[in-house]
Each structure stands twice: as structure tokens, then as C-alpha cells.
Amino acid sequence: MDENNYVSNVNTSGASNGNEPGKGAAVASLVLGVVSIVTWFFGMGALIGLITGVIGLICASNAKKAGFVGGMRTAGFVCSLIGVIGSALVFVACVACVGVLGTAGALMDY
């Protein structure tokens, strides 16, 4: 191999090359967190938001265990946490509304 034509695979610019452990889990956490926030606006879709938010929290935890250090993991964790809390509140509110409507309907029968 000719030393003059040797291309180094070392990244000297400080940018990541995409092979960081836990980066995929951090990206998944961010995507699932955003999905869980978006599903608030669809009423009973809040149950889906609750599920995706919990999975996003698990992915953020896995990224942290893998040693990924970056803002994407933190953003994924925060979005997933907001998604879980918001989706749970919207889901409980929807269930309460259905209960109130059911009670009102039963009272109107008398």
C-alpha cells in the first residue's frame, strides 16, 4: 500500500461519524416523544401517545446506559416525559367526559 495515497479514516473535525453507541436509541426516543405529543390533539389517540411516550422514555434510558452523551437524548427524554404526562391527562379527561355524558344520559331517562 502506498503511503502517499493512504486516506485516513480518522475524523479530526470533531464531528461524529454516526457510529456512536446509543445514538439510534436517542433518535428513537426523540421521534417517539414528538409522536406522543402530537397524538394529544386526537382525543382517544392519547392512549397511543401514552404508549409511545413510555417507549420513548425506555429508549432514552437505553441511550444513557449505552453511554450516549448529547442533546438529542435529553430532548428525547423531555419530549417523551411531556408526552406521557400530557397524554395521561388528556386520556383521563376524555374518560371523565364520557362518564359525565353517560350519567347525564341516564338521568334524562327519568
N, C-alpha and C. Protein backbone atom coordinates (compact mmCIF):
# COMPACT_ATOMS: atom_id res chain seq x y z
N MET A 1 0.84 -1.17 0.00
CA MET A 1 0.00 0.00 0.00
C MET A 1 0.89 1.24 0.00
N ASP A 2 0.60 2.13 -0.86
CA ASP A 2 1.38 3.34 -0.99
C ASP A 2 1.00 4.34 0.11
N GLU A 3 1.99 4.83 0.86
CA GLU A 3 1.71 5.72 1.97
C GLU A 3 1.18 7.07 1.52
N ASN A 4 1.53 7.50 0.33
CA ASN A 4 1.08 8.80 -0.16
C ASN A 4 -0.41 8.79 -0.53
N ASN A 5 -0.95 7.64 -0.89
CA ASN A 5 -2.35 7.53 -1.29
C ASN A 5 -3.23 7.03 -0.15
N TYR A 6 -2.67 6.87 1.00
CA TYR A 6 -3.42 6.35 2.15
C TYR A 6 -4.39 7.44 2.65
N VAL A 7 -5.65 7.11 2.73
CA VAL A 7 -6.67 8.04 3.22
C VAL A 7 -7.02 7.61 4.64
N SER A 8 -6.81 8.51 5.54
CA SER A 8 -7.07 8.22 6.94
C SER A 8 -8.57 8.25 7.21
N ASN A 9 -9.01 7.34 8.03
CA ASN A 9 -10.41 7.26 8.41
C ASN A 9 -10.65 8.00 9.73
N VAL A 10 -9.66 8.72 10.20
CA VAL A 10 -9.78 9.44 11.46
C VAL A 10 -10.49 10.75 11.21
N ASN A 11 -11.44 11.05 12.07
CA ASN A 11 -12.21 12.28 11.94
C ASN A 11 -11.58 13.33 12.84
N THR A 12 -10.95 14.32 12.22
CA THR A 12 -10.25 15.34 13.01
C THR A 12 -11.08 16.60 13.20
N SER A 13 -12.26 16.67 12.60
CA SER A 13 -13.06 17.89 12.70
C SER A 13 -13.89 17.94 13.98
N GLY A 14 -13.96 16.86 14.73
CA GLY A 14 -14.74 16.83 15.94
C GLY A 14 -16.18 16.41 15.70
N ALA A 15 -16.58 16.27 14.45
CA ALA A 15 -17.94 15.83 14.16
C ALA A 15 -18.03 14.32 14.31
N SER A 16 -19.21 13.87 14.68
CA SER A 16 -19.38 12.43 14.87
C SER A 16 -19.54 11.74 13.52
N ASN A 17 -19.17 10.50 13.48
CA ASN A 17 -19.27 9.75 12.24
C ASN A 17 -20.50 8.86 12.22
N GLY A 18 -21.38 8.95 13.20
CA GLY A 18 -22.61 8.17 13.20
C GLY A 18 -22.49 6.82 13.84
N ASN A 19 -21.34 6.45 14.33
CA ASN A 19 -21.15 5.14 14.94
C ASN A 19 -21.12 5.20 16.46
N GLU A 20 -21.74 6.20 17.04
CA GLU A 20 -21.73 6.32 18.48
C GLU A 20 -22.73 5.34 19.09
N PRO A 21 -22.35 4.66 20.14
CA PRO A 21 -23.29 3.73 20.78
C PRO A 21 -24.43 4.49 21.44
N GLY A 22 -25.64 4.04 21.21
CA GLY A 22 -26.81 4.65 21.81
C GLY A 22 -27.44 5.76 21.00
N LYS A 23 -26.84 6.13 19.88
CA LYS A 23 -27.38 7.23 19.08
C LYS A 23 -28.73 6.85 18.47
N GLY A 24 -28.87 5.62 18.03
CA GLY A 24 -30.13 5.17 17.46
C GLY A 24 -31.26 5.20 18.47
N ALA A 25 -30.95 4.80 19.70
CA ALA A 25 -31.96 4.84 20.76
C ALA A 25 -32.33 6.28 21.10
N ALA A 26 -31.37 7.20 21.03
CA ALA A 26 -31.66 8.61 21.29
C ALA A 26 -32.57 9.18 20.21
N VAL A 27 -32.31 8.84 18.96
CA VAL A 27 -33.15 9.30 17.85
C VAL A 27 -34.56 8.72 18.01
N ALA A 28 -34.65 7.44 18.34
CA ALA A 28 -35.96 6.81 18.53
C ALA A 28 -36.71 7.47 19.67
N SER A 29 -36.01 7.81 20.73
CA SER A 29 -36.64 8.47 21.87
C SER A 29 -37.21 9.82 21.46
N LEU A 30 -36.46 10.58 20.69
CA LEU A 30 -36.91 11.89 20.24
C LEU A 30 -38.13 11.77 19.33
N VAL A 31 -38.10 10.84 18.40
CA VAL A 31 -39.22 10.65 17.48
C VAL A 31 -40.46 10.21 18.23
N LEU A 32 -40.31 9.25 19.13
CA LEU A 32 -41.47 8.76 19.89
C LEU A 32 -42.02 9.84 20.82
N GLY A 33 -41.15 10.67 21.37
CA GLY A 33 -41.61 11.77 22.21
C GLY A 33 -42.44 12.77 21.43
N VAL A 34 -42.00 13.10 20.23
CA VAL A 34 -42.75 14.03 19.39
C VAL A 34 -44.09 13.41 18.97
N VAL A 35 -44.08 12.13 18.64
CA VAL A 35 -45.32 11.44 18.27
C VAL A 35 -46.31 11.45 19.43
N SER A 36 -45.81 11.23 20.64
CA SER A 36 -46.71 11.20 21.80
C SER A 36 -47.31 12.58 22.07
N ILE A 37 -46.57 13.64 21.80
CA ILE A 37 -47.12 14.99 21.98
C ILE A 37 -48.16 15.29 20.90
N VAL A 38 -47.89 14.89 19.66
CA VAL A 38 -48.81 15.17 18.56
C VAL A 38 -50.14 14.44 18.74
N THR A 39 -50.14 13.26 19.32
CA THR A 39 -51.39 12.49 19.45
C THR A 39 -52.33 13.04 20.51
N TRP A 40 -51.91 14.04 21.29
CA TRP A 40 -52.84 14.67 22.24
C TRP A 40 -54.04 15.25 21.53
N PHE A 41 -53.82 15.76 20.36
CA PHE A 41 -54.86 16.51 19.66
C PHE A 41 -55.93 15.61 19.05
N PHE A 42 -55.83 14.32 19.24
CA PHE A 42 -56.79 13.41 18.64
C PHE A 42 -57.63 12.68 19.68
N GLY A 43 -57.81 13.26 20.85
CA GLY A 43 -58.72 12.71 21.85
C GLY A 43 -58.29 11.34 22.33
N MET A 44 -59.00 10.33 21.89
CA MET A 44 -58.70 8.97 22.34
C MET A 44 -57.37 8.47 21.77
N GLY A 45 -56.78 9.20 20.86
CA GLY A 45 -55.44 8.88 20.40
C GLY A 45 -54.41 9.13 21.49
N ALA A 46 -54.86 9.72 22.60
CA ALA A 46 -53.97 9.95 23.73
C ALA A 46 -53.46 8.63 24.31
N LEU A 47 -54.22 7.57 24.15
CA LEU A 47 -53.75 6.26 24.61
C LEU A 47 -52.52 5.84 23.80
N ILE A 48 -52.53 6.11 22.51
CA ILE A 48 -51.37 5.83 21.68
C ILE A 48 -50.20 6.71 22.10
N GLY A 49 -50.48 7.97 22.42
CA GLY A 49 -49.45 8.89 22.90
C GLY A 49 -48.84 8.42 24.20
N LEU A 50 -49.65 7.86 25.06
CA LEU A 50 -49.15 7.33 26.33
C LEU A 50 -48.20 6.16 26.08
N ILE A 51 -48.57 5.29 25.18
CA ILE A 51 -47.74 4.12 24.88
C ILE A 51 -46.42 4.55 24.22
N THR A 52 -46.50 5.44 23.22
CA THR A 52 -45.28 5.86 22.54
C THR A 52 -44.37 6.67 23.46
N GLY A 53 -44.97 7.43 24.37
CA GLY A 53 -44.17 8.18 25.34
C GLY A 53 -43.40 7.28 26.28
N VAL A 54 -44.04 6.22 26.75
CA VAL A 54 -43.35 5.28 27.64
C VAL A 54 -42.23 4.57 26.90
N ILE A 55 -42.49 4.18 25.67
CA ILE A 55 -41.43 3.53 24.88
C ILE A 55 -40.29 4.52 24.63
N GLY A 56 -40.61 5.80 24.41
CA GLY A 56 -39.59 6.82 24.23
C GLY A 56 -38.73 7.00 25.48
N LEU A 57 -39.36 6.94 26.66
CA LEU A 57 -38.60 7.02 27.91
C LEU A 57 -37.65 5.83 28.05
N ILE A 58 -38.12 4.66 27.66
CA ILE A 58 -37.27 3.47 27.73
C ILE A 58 -36.09 3.60 26.76
N CYS A 59 -36.34 4.12 25.56
CA CYS A 59 -35.25 4.33 24.60
C CYS A 59 -34.23 5.35 25.10
N ALA A 60 -34.71 6.42 25.75
CA ALA A 60 -33.79 7.41 26.31
C ALA A 60 -32.93 6.79 27.41
N SER A 61 -33.53 5.92 28.20
CA SER A 61 -32.78 5.23 29.25
C SER A 61 -31.73 4.30 28.65
N ASN A 62 -32.11 3.61 27.58
CA ASN A 62 -31.15 2.71 26.91
C ASN A 62 -30.00 3.50 26.29
N ALA A 63 -30.29 4.67 25.74
CA ALA A 63 -29.23 5.50 25.16
C ALA A 63 -28.27 5.97 26.24
N LYS A 64 -28.80 6.29 27.41
CA LYS A 64 -27.94 6.73 28.52
C LYS A 64 -27.07 5.58 29.01
N LYS A 65 -27.66 4.37 29.09
CA LYS A 65 -26.89 3.20 29.52
C LYS A 65 -25.78 2.86 28.52
N ALA A 66 -26.06 3.12 27.23
CA ALA A 66 -25.05 2.84 26.21
C ALA A 66 -23.93 3.86 26.21
N GLY A 67 -24.11 4.94 26.95
CA GLY A 67 -23.06 5.95 27.05
C GLY A 67 -23.19 7.10 26.08
N PHE A 68 -24.33 7.25 25.45
CA PHE A 68 -24.51 8.35 24.51
C PHE A 68 -24.68 9.65 25.30
N VAL A 69 -23.87 10.62 24.97
CA VAL A 69 -23.94 11.93 25.61
C VAL A 69 -24.26 12.94 24.53
N GLY A 70 -25.41 13.57 24.65
CA GLY A 70 -25.78 14.56 23.65
C GLY A 70 -27.14 15.14 23.94
N GLY A 71 -27.40 16.23 23.27
CA GLY A 71 -28.66 16.92 23.46
C GLY A 71 -29.86 16.16 22.92
N MET A 72 -29.62 15.29 21.94
CA MET A 72 -30.72 14.54 21.36
C MET A 72 -31.35 13.59 22.38
N ARG A 73 -30.52 12.96 23.20
CA ARG A 73 -31.03 12.06 24.23
C ARG A 73 -31.85 12.84 25.25
N THR A 74 -31.34 14.00 25.65
CA THR A 74 -32.05 14.84 26.62
C THR A 74 -33.36 15.34 26.04
N ALA A 75 -33.34 15.77 24.80
CA ALA A 75 -34.56 16.25 24.15
C ALA A 75 -35.58 15.13 24.00
N GLY A 76 -35.11 13.93 23.67
CA GLY A 76 -36.00 12.78 23.57
C GLY A 76 -36.63 12.43 24.91
N PHE A 77 -35.81 12.51 25.97
CA PHE A 77 -36.33 12.22 27.31
C PHE A 77 -37.39 13.25 27.71
N VAL A 78 -37.10 14.52 27.47
CA VAL A 78 -38.02 15.59 27.86
C VAL A 78 -39.31 15.50 27.04
N CYS A 79 -39.20 15.31 25.74
CA CYS A 79 -40.40 15.21 24.90
C CYS A 79 -41.23 13.98 25.28
N SER A 80 -40.58 12.88 25.56
CA SER A 80 -41.30 11.68 25.97
C SER A 80 -41.99 11.87 27.31
N LEU A 81 -41.31 12.53 28.24
CA LEU A 81 -41.90 12.78 29.55
C LEU A 81 -43.10 13.72 29.44
N ILE A 82 -42.97 14.79 28.65
CA ILE A 82 -44.09 15.69 28.43
C ILE A 82 -45.23 14.95 27.73
N GLY A 83 -44.88 14.10 26.78
CA GLY A 83 -45.90 13.32 26.08
C GLY A 83 -46.65 12.36 26.99
N VAL A 84 -45.93 11.71 27.90
CA VAL A 84 -46.58 10.78 28.84
C VAL A 84 -47.52 11.54 29.77
N ILE A 85 -47.04 12.64 30.35
CA ILE A 85 -47.86 13.40 31.29
C ILE A 85 -49.08 14.00 30.57
N GLY A 86 -48.85 14.64 29.44
CA GLY A 86 -49.96 15.25 28.71
C GLY A 86 -50.96 14.24 28.20
N SER A 87 -50.47 13.13 27.66
CA SER A 87 -51.37 12.10 27.15
C SER A 87 -52.19 11.47 28.27
N ALA A 88 -51.57 11.29 29.42
CA ALA A 88 -52.31 10.74 30.56
C ALA A 88 -53.41 11.70 31.00
N LEU A 89 -53.10 13.00 31.05
CA LEU A 89 -54.11 13.98 31.44
C LEU A 89 -55.25 14.04 30.43
N VAL A 90 -54.92 14.04 29.14
CA VAL A 90 -55.96 14.09 28.10
C VAL A 90 -56.78 12.81 28.13
N PHE A 91 -56.16 11.67 28.34
CA PHE A 91 -56.88 10.40 28.38
C PHE A 91 -57.85 10.37 29.56
N VAL A 92 -57.39 10.82 30.74
CA VAL A 92 -58.26 10.87 31.92
C VAL A 92 -59.41 11.85 31.69
N ALA A 93 -59.13 12.98 31.06
CA ALA A 93 -60.18 13.95 30.77
C ALA A 93 -61.22 13.38 29.81
N CYS A 94 -60.78 12.63 28.82
CA CYS A 94 -61.72 12.01 27.87
C CYS A 94 -62.58 10.96 28.56
N VAL A 95 -61.98 10.17 29.41
CA VAL A 95 -62.74 9.16 30.15
C VAL A 95 -63.75 9.84 31.08
N ALA A 96 -63.34 10.94 31.72
CA ALA A 96 -64.25 11.67 32.61
C ALA A 96 -65.42 12.26 31.82
N CYS A 97 -65.15 12.79 30.64
CA CYS A 97 -66.22 13.35 29.82
C CYS A 97 -67.22 12.27 29.40
N VAL A 98 -66.72 11.13 29.03
CA VAL A 98 -67.61 10.03 28.65
C VAL A 98 -68.44 9.60 29.86
N GLY A 99 -67.85 9.57 31.03
CA GLY A 99 -68.59 9.21 32.25
C GLY A 99 -69.67 10.22 32.57
N VAL A 100 -69.36 11.51 32.43
CA VAL A 100 -70.35 12.55 32.69
C VAL A 100 -71.49 12.48 31.69
N LEU A 101 -71.16 12.27 30.43
CA LEU A 101 -72.20 12.15 29.42
C LEU A 101 -73.08 10.92 29.66
N GLY A 102 -72.47 9.84 30.11
CA GLY A 102 -73.24 8.64 30.43
C GLY A 102 -74.17 8.87 31.60
N THR A 103 -73.70 9.56 32.61
CA THR A 103 -74.53 9.86 33.77
C THR A 103 -75.66 10.81 33.38
N ALA A 104 -75.36 11.81 32.57
CA ALA A 104 -76.39 12.75 32.13
C ALA A 104 -77.45 12.03 31.29
N GLY A 105 -77.02 11.11 30.48
CA GLY A 105 -77.97 10.34 29.67
C GLY A 105 -78.86 9.46 30.53
N ALA A 106 -78.28 8.89 31.59
CA ALA A 106 -79.08 8.05 32.49
C ALA A 106 -80.07 8.88 33.28
N LEU A 107 -79.71 10.09 33.65
CA LEU A 107 -80.60 10.98 34.40
C LEU A 107 -81.75 11.50 33.53
N MET A 108 -81.51 11.62 32.24
CA MET A 108 -82.55 12.13 31.35
C MET A 108 -83.62 11.08 31.08
N ASP A 109 -83.33 9.83 31.36
CA ASP A 109 -84.32 8.76 31.17
C ASP A 109 -85.43 8.85 32.21
N TYR A 110 -85.18 9.47 33.34
CA TYR A 110 -86.20 9.56 34.40
C TYR A 110 -87.17 10.59 34.08
